[in-house]
Amino acid sequence: MKAIAIDDEPIALEIIKAHAAKVPFLTLKATFTDAFQALEYLQKESIDLIFLDIKMPDISGIEFFNSLSKKPLLIFTTAYTEHAVTSFEMDAVDYLLKPFSLARFIKGCNKAFERYSFRNTV
């Protein structure tokens, strides 16, 4: 699965990069601290999964994802619990609460891979 990560905190992106490197079926293609740069990337590149922070400057992760015409799988990575219900209404695969462990990250990736595999066999 090809993925990107969007978070306004560079440290959070480093953690996602380190965790993603340990998941054999996941390739983290790019990371972004600016949602608009990610949007530009997504207009040119096809990806399967987004790791997305919710509270970011200029545009929230929820607004960002809702603006996409082609929606990849979604895993929210956030420090806030109050958006969990909204995330599942958006059909997010998972909701990782910062700080999350490698084990919890892998669990989310496994869920995403199951959904990805199902999407591509139906």
N, C-alpha and C. Protein backbone atom coordinates (compact mmCIF):
# COMPACT_ATOMS: atom_id res chain seq x y z
N MET A 1 0.84 -1.17 0.00
CA MET A 1 0.00 0.00 0.00
C MET A 1 0.88 1.23 0.00
N LYS A 2 0.53 2.18 -0.84
CA LYS A 2 1.24 3.45 -0.89
C LYS A 2 0.52 4.45 0.02
N ALA A 3 1.29 5.15 0.85
CA ALA A 3 0.69 6.06 1.83
C ALA A 3 1.42 7.40 1.85
N ILE A 4 0.71 8.40 2.39
CA ILE A 4 1.33 9.68 2.75
C ILE A 4 0.89 10.01 4.17
N ALA A 5 1.60 10.94 4.79
CA ALA A 5 1.24 11.41 6.13
C ALA A 5 1.22 12.93 6.12
N ILE A 6 0.20 13.49 6.76
CA ILE A 6 0.05 14.94 6.84
C ILE A 6 -0.13 15.31 8.31
N ASP A 7 0.79 16.13 8.81
CA ASP A 7 0.73 16.58 10.21
C ASP A 7 1.55 17.86 10.31
N ASP A 8 1.04 18.86 11.00
CA ASP A 8 1.78 20.11 11.12
C ASP A 8 2.94 20.01 12.11
N GLU A 9 3.07 18.89 12.81
CA GLU A 9 4.16 18.69 13.75
C GLU A 9 5.21 17.75 13.14
N PRO A 10 6.41 18.28 12.81
CA PRO A 10 7.45 17.43 12.21
C PRO A 10 7.81 16.21 13.05
N ILE A 11 7.77 16.33 14.37
CA ILE A 11 8.11 15.19 15.24
C ILE A 11 7.11 14.05 15.04
N ALA A 12 5.84 14.40 14.90
CA ALA A 12 4.81 13.38 14.66
C ALA A 12 5.06 12.67 13.34
N LEU A 13 5.50 13.41 12.32
CA LEU A 13 5.81 12.79 11.02
C LEU A 13 7.01 11.86 11.13
N GLU A 14 7.99 12.22 11.94
CA GLU A 14 9.16 11.35 12.14
C GLU A 14 8.74 10.03 12.79
N ILE A 15 7.83 10.09 13.74
CA ILE A 15 7.33 8.88 14.39
C ILE A 15 6.59 8.00 13.38
N ILE A 16 5.74 8.61 12.58
CA ILE A 16 5.01 7.85 11.55
C ILE A 16 6.00 7.22 10.56
N LYS A 17 7.02 7.98 10.13
CA LYS A 17 8.04 7.44 9.22
C LYS A 17 8.72 6.23 9.83
N ALA A 18 9.13 6.34 11.09
CA ALA A 18 9.84 5.25 11.77
C ALA A 18 8.94 4.02 11.89
N HIS A 19 7.69 4.23 12.27
CA HIS A 19 6.75 3.11 12.39
C HIS A 19 6.46 2.49 11.02
N ALA A 20 6.22 3.33 10.03
CA ALA A 20 5.87 2.83 8.68
C ALA A 20 7.00 1.99 8.09
N ALA A 21 8.23 2.34 8.40
CA ALA A 21 9.38 1.60 7.87
C ALA A 21 9.40 0.15 8.36
N LYS A 22 8.69 -0.13 9.44
CA LYS A 22 8.66 -1.48 10.01
C LYS A 22 7.48 -2.32 9.48
N VAL A 23 6.61 -1.71 8.68
CA VAL A 23 5.42 -2.41 8.17
C VAL A 23 5.71 -2.85 6.74
N PRO A 24 5.87 -4.17 6.51
CA PRO A 24 6.35 -4.65 5.20
C PRO A 24 5.44 -4.32 4.01
N PHE A 25 4.15 -4.23 4.23
CA PHE A 25 3.23 -3.99 3.11
C PHE A 25 2.92 -2.51 2.90
N LEU A 26 3.62 -1.63 3.63
CA LEU A 26 3.34 -0.19 3.57
C LEU A 26 4.56 0.56 3.04
N THR A 27 4.33 1.45 2.08
CA THR A 27 5.38 2.33 1.57
C THR A 27 4.93 3.76 1.80
N LEU A 28 5.63 4.46 2.68
CA LEU A 28 5.31 5.86 2.93
C LEU A 28 6.01 6.69 1.85
N LYS A 29 5.22 7.18 0.90
CA LYS A 29 5.76 7.87 -0.28
C LYS A 29 6.19 9.30 0.03
N ALA A 30 5.47 9.97 0.93
CA ALA A 30 5.78 11.37 1.23
C ALA A 30 5.15 11.77 2.55
N THR A 31 5.72 12.82 3.15
CA THR A 31 5.13 13.41 4.36
C THR A 31 5.01 14.91 4.14
N PHE A 32 4.02 15.51 4.77
CA PHE A 32 3.75 16.93 4.58
C PHE A 32 3.39 17.61 5.90
N THR A 33 3.96 18.77 6.13
CA THR A 33 3.54 19.61 7.25
C THR A 33 2.51 20.63 6.77
N ASP A 34 2.36 20.76 5.46
CA ASP A 34 1.42 21.70 4.85
C ASP A 34 0.38 20.92 4.05
N ALA A 35 -0.88 21.02 4.45
CA ALA A 35 -1.95 20.28 3.80
C ALA A 35 -2.10 20.65 2.33
N PHE A 36 -1.80 21.90 1.98
CA PHE A 36 -1.97 22.33 0.60
C PHE A 36 -0.90 21.75 -0.32
N GLN A 37 0.30 21.51 0.22
CA GLN A 37 1.33 20.80 -0.55
C GLN A 37 0.90 19.35 -0.76
N ALA A 38 0.27 18.77 0.24
CA ALA A 38 -0.24 17.39 0.11
C ALA A 38 -1.32 17.34 -0.96
N LEU A 39 -2.18 18.33 -0.98
CA LEU A 39 -3.24 18.39 -1.98
C LEU A 39 -2.66 18.42 -3.39
N GLU A 40 -1.62 19.23 -3.56
CA GLU A 40 -0.94 19.32 -4.85
C GLU A 40 -0.34 17.95 -5.24
N TYR A 41 0.26 17.29 -4.28
CA TYR A 41 0.84 15.96 -4.51
C TYR A 41 -0.25 14.97 -4.94
N LEU A 42 -1.38 15.01 -4.26
CA LEU A 42 -2.47 14.07 -4.55
C LEU A 42 -3.11 14.31 -5.92
N GLN A 43 -2.96 15.50 -6.47
CA GLN A 43 -3.47 15.76 -7.81
C GLN A 43 -2.63 15.07 -8.88
N LYS A 44 -1.38 14.72 -8.53
CA LYS A 44 -0.47 14.09 -9.48
C LYS A 44 -0.25 12.61 -9.20
N GLU A 45 -0.35 12.22 -7.95
CA GLU A 45 0.00 10.87 -7.53
C GLU A 45 -1.20 10.13 -6.95
N SER A 46 -1.22 8.84 -7.17
CA SER A 46 -2.27 8.00 -6.60
C SER A 46 -1.72 7.30 -5.35
N ILE A 47 -2.47 7.40 -4.27
CA ILE A 47 -2.07 6.72 -3.05
C ILE A 47 -3.25 5.93 -2.50
N ASP A 48 -2.94 5.00 -1.61
CA ASP A 48 -3.96 4.11 -1.06
C ASP A 48 -4.42 4.52 0.34
N LEU A 49 -3.56 5.22 1.08
CA LEU A 49 -3.82 5.49 2.50
C LEU A 49 -3.23 6.83 2.91
N ILE A 50 -3.99 7.58 3.72
CA ILE A 50 -3.49 8.83 4.30
C ILE A 50 -3.49 8.70 5.82
N PHE A 51 -2.36 9.04 6.43
CA PHE A 51 -2.29 9.26 7.88
C PHE A 51 -2.49 10.76 8.04
N LEU A 52 -3.52 11.17 8.77
CA LEU A 52 -3.92 12.57 8.75
C LEU A 52 -4.19 13.12 10.15
N ASP A 53 -3.51 14.20 10.48
CA ASP A 53 -3.79 14.92 11.72
C ASP A 53 -5.09 15.70 11.55
N ILE A 54 -5.79 15.97 12.63
CA ILE A 54 -7.05 16.71 12.53
C ILE A 54 -6.84 18.21 12.72
N LYS A 55 -6.17 18.60 13.80
CA LYS A 55 -6.00 20.03 14.09
C LYS A 55 -4.72 20.54 13.45
N MET A 56 -4.91 21.27 12.35
CA MET A 56 -3.79 21.86 11.63
C MET A 56 -4.14 23.31 11.30
N PRO A 57 -3.12 24.15 11.06
CA PRO A 57 -3.42 25.53 10.69
C PRO A 57 -4.09 25.58 9.31
N ASP A 58 -4.87 26.58 9.06
CA ASP A 58 -5.53 26.84 7.77
C ASP A 58 -6.70 25.91 7.46
N ILE A 59 -6.51 24.60 7.54
CA ILE A 59 -7.57 23.66 7.21
C ILE A 59 -7.46 22.44 8.13
N SER A 60 -8.58 21.99 8.63
CA SER A 60 -8.53 20.81 9.51
C SER A 60 -8.38 19.56 8.66
N GLY A 61 -7.94 18.49 9.28
CA GLY A 61 -7.84 17.22 8.57
C GLY A 61 -9.19 16.76 8.05
N ILE A 62 -10.24 17.03 8.81
CA ILE A 62 -11.59 16.65 8.39
C ILE A 62 -11.98 17.43 7.13
N GLU A 63 -11.76 18.74 7.13
CA GLU A 63 -12.06 19.56 5.95
C GLU A 63 -11.21 19.13 4.76
N PHE A 64 -9.94 18.85 5.02
CA PHE A 64 -9.03 18.42 3.97
C PHE A 64 -9.55 17.15 3.29
N PHE A 65 -9.84 16.14 4.10
CA PHE A 65 -10.28 14.86 3.54
C PHE A 65 -11.61 15.01 2.80
N ASN A 66 -12.52 15.79 3.35
CA ASN A 66 -13.82 15.99 2.70
C ASN A 66 -13.69 16.73 1.36
N SER A 67 -12.59 17.46 1.17
CA SER A 67 -12.38 18.19 -0.08
C SER A 67 -11.87 17.29 -1.21
N LEU A 68 -11.41 16.11 -0.88
CA LEU A 68 -10.85 15.21 -1.91
C LEU A 68 -11.95 14.58 -2.74
N SER A 69 -11.76 14.57 -4.04
CA SER A 69 -12.75 13.91 -4.90
C SER A 69 -12.52 12.39 -4.91
N LYS A 70 -11.25 11.98 -4.96
CA LYS A 70 -10.91 10.56 -4.87
C LYS A 70 -10.39 10.31 -3.46
N LYS A 71 -11.12 9.51 -2.70
CA LYS A 71 -10.79 9.34 -1.29
C LYS A 71 -10.03 8.03 -1.04
N PRO A 72 -8.76 8.14 -0.65
CA PRO A 72 -8.02 6.95 -0.24
C PRO A 72 -8.50 6.50 1.14
N LEU A 73 -7.98 5.39 1.60
CA LEU A 73 -8.24 4.96 2.98
C LEU A 73 -7.66 6.01 3.92
N LEU A 74 -8.24 6.09 5.11
CA LEU A 74 -7.89 7.17 6.03
C LEU A 74 -7.65 6.64 7.44
N ILE A 75 -6.52 7.03 8.02
CA ILE A 75 -6.26 6.80 9.44
C ILE A 75 -5.94 8.17 10.05
N PHE A 76 -6.77 8.59 10.99
CA PHE A 76 -6.49 9.84 11.69
C PHE A 76 -5.42 9.60 12.74
N THR A 77 -4.50 10.56 12.86
CA THR A 77 -3.47 10.54 13.90
C THR A 77 -3.59 11.88 14.62
N THR A 78 -4.12 11.86 15.83
CA THR A 78 -4.45 13.10 16.50
C THR A 78 -4.29 13.00 18.01
N ALA A 79 -4.19 14.14 18.65
CA ALA A 79 -4.10 14.19 20.11
C ALA A 79 -5.47 14.45 20.74
N TYR A 80 -6.50 14.54 19.92
CA TYR A 80 -7.83 14.93 20.41
C TYR A 80 -8.83 13.80 20.27
N THR A 81 -9.54 13.52 21.36
CA THR A 81 -10.53 12.43 21.34
C THR A 81 -11.87 12.86 20.76
N GLU A 82 -12.16 14.15 20.79
CA GLU A 82 -13.52 14.60 20.49
C GLU A 82 -13.98 14.43 19.04
N HIS A 83 -13.08 14.05 18.15
CA HIS A 83 -13.47 13.89 16.74
C HIS A 83 -13.64 12.43 16.33
N ALA A 84 -13.57 11.53 17.28
CA ALA A 84 -13.62 10.10 16.96
C ALA A 84 -14.92 9.72 16.26
N VAL A 85 -16.04 10.18 16.74
CA VAL A 85 -17.33 9.83 16.13
C VAL A 85 -17.38 10.34 14.70
N THR A 86 -16.96 11.58 14.50
CA THR A 86 -16.94 12.15 13.14
C THR A 86 -16.06 11.32 12.23
N SER A 87 -14.92 10.87 12.74
CA SER A 87 -14.00 10.09 11.90
C SER A 87 -14.65 8.80 11.41
N PHE A 88 -15.41 8.15 12.26
CA PHE A 88 -16.05 6.91 11.83
C PHE A 88 -17.22 7.18 10.90
N GLU A 89 -17.87 8.34 11.06
CA GLU A 89 -18.90 8.75 10.10
C GLU A 89 -18.28 8.99 8.73
N MET A 90 -17.01 9.37 8.72
CA MET A 90 -16.28 9.59 7.47
C MET A 90 -15.70 8.29 6.92
N ASP A 91 -15.96 7.19 7.59
CA ASP A 91 -15.48 5.87 7.18
C ASP A 91 -13.97 5.72 7.34
N ALA A 92 -13.40 6.42 8.32
CA ALA A 92 -11.97 6.26 8.60
C ALA A 92 -11.70 4.81 9.03
N VAL A 93 -10.55 4.31 8.64
CA VAL A 93 -10.16 2.95 9.01
C VAL A 93 -9.84 2.88 10.49
N ASP A 94 -9.17 3.93 11.01
CA ASP A 94 -8.77 3.92 12.40
C ASP A 94 -8.55 5.35 12.89
N TYR A 95 -8.40 5.46 14.21
CA TYR A 95 -8.24 6.74 14.89
C TYR A 95 -7.14 6.53 15.91
N LEU A 96 -5.92 6.94 15.56
CA LEU A 96 -4.78 6.75 16.45
C LEU A 96 -4.59 7.97 17.32
N LEU A 97 -4.67 7.77 18.61
CA LEU A 97 -4.55 8.86 19.57
C LEU A 97 -3.07 9.03 19.96
N LYS A 98 -2.53 10.23 19.72
CA LYS A 98 -1.12 10.51 20.05
C LYS A 98 -0.95 10.59 21.56
N PRO A 99 0.15 10.11 22.08
CA PRO A 99 1.20 9.37 21.39
C PRO A 99 0.78 7.91 21.25
N PHE A 100 0.95 7.35 20.07
CA PHE A 100 0.57 5.96 19.85
C PHE A 100 1.81 5.08 19.73
N SER A 101 1.66 3.85 20.14
CA SER A 101 2.78 2.89 20.12
C SER A 101 2.92 2.27 18.74
N LEU A 102 4.03 1.61 18.52
CA LEU A 102 4.24 0.87 17.27
C LEU A 102 3.17 -0.21 17.14
N ALA A 103 2.86 -0.90 18.22
CA ALA A 103 1.85 -1.97 18.17
C ALA A 103 0.50 -1.41 17.74
N ARG A 104 0.12 -0.27 18.26
CA ARG A 104 -1.17 0.34 17.91
C ARG A 104 -1.16 0.82 16.45
N PHE A 105 -0.01 1.35 16.00
CA PHE A 105 0.15 1.78 14.61
C PHE A 105 -0.01 0.58 13.67
N ILE A 106 0.64 -0.53 14.01
CA ILE A 106 0.55 -1.74 13.18
C ILE A 106 -0.87 -2.26 13.12
N LYS A 107 -1.58 -2.20 14.25
CA LYS A 107 -2.98 -2.63 14.27
C LYS A 107 -3.80 -1.82 13.27
N GLY A 108 -3.61 -0.51 13.26
CA GLY A 108 -4.31 0.35 12.30
C GLY A 108 -3.93 0.03 10.86
N CYS A 109 -2.65 -0.21 10.63
CA CYS A 109 -2.18 -0.56 9.28
C CYS A 109 -2.77 -1.90 8.82
N ASN A 110 -2.85 -2.85 9.73
CA ASN A 110 -3.46 -4.14 9.38
C ASN A 110 -4.93 -3.98 9.00
N LYS A 111 -5.65 -3.14 9.72
CA LYS A 111 -7.06 -2.86 9.37
C LYS A 111 -7.14 -2.25 7.97
N ALA A 112 -6.25 -1.30 7.72
CA ALA A 112 -6.23 -0.63 6.41
C ALA A 112 -5.91 -1.64 5.31
N PHE A 113 -4.96 -2.53 5.56
CA PHE A 113 -4.58 -3.52 4.55
C PHE A 113 -5.73 -4.47 4.25
N GLU A 114 -6.47 -4.86 5.30
CA GLU A 114 -7.65 -5.72 5.08
C GLU A 114 -8.67 -5.02 4.19
N ARG A 115 -8.93 -3.76 4.46
CA ARG A 115 -9.90 -3.00 3.66
C ARG A 115 -9.37 -2.79 2.24
N TYR A 116 -8.08 -2.50 2.12
CA TYR A 116 -7.43 -2.32 0.83
C TYR A 116 -7.54 -3.60 0.00
N SER A 117 -7.25 -4.72 0.62
CA SER A 117 -7.32 -6.02 -0.07
C SER A 117 -8.75 -6.31 -0.52
N PHE A 118 -9.72 -6.02 0.33
CA PHE A 118 -11.12 -6.24 -0.01
C PHE A 118 -11.52 -5.35 -1.19
N ARG A 119 -11.13 -4.08 -1.15
CA ARG A 119 -11.46 -3.14 -2.23
C ARG A 119 -10.92 -3.61 -3.57
N ASN A 120 -9.75 -4.24 -3.53
CA ASN A 120 -9.08 -4.61 -4.77
C ASN A 120 -9.39 -6.03 -5.24
N THR A 121 -10.27 -6.74 -4.54
CA THR A 121 -10.68 -8.06 -5.00
C THR A 121 -12.15 -8.07 -5.40
N VAL A 122 -12.88 -7.04 -5.01
CA VAL A 122 -14.32 -6.99 -5.32
C VAL A 122 -14.54 -6.35 -6.66
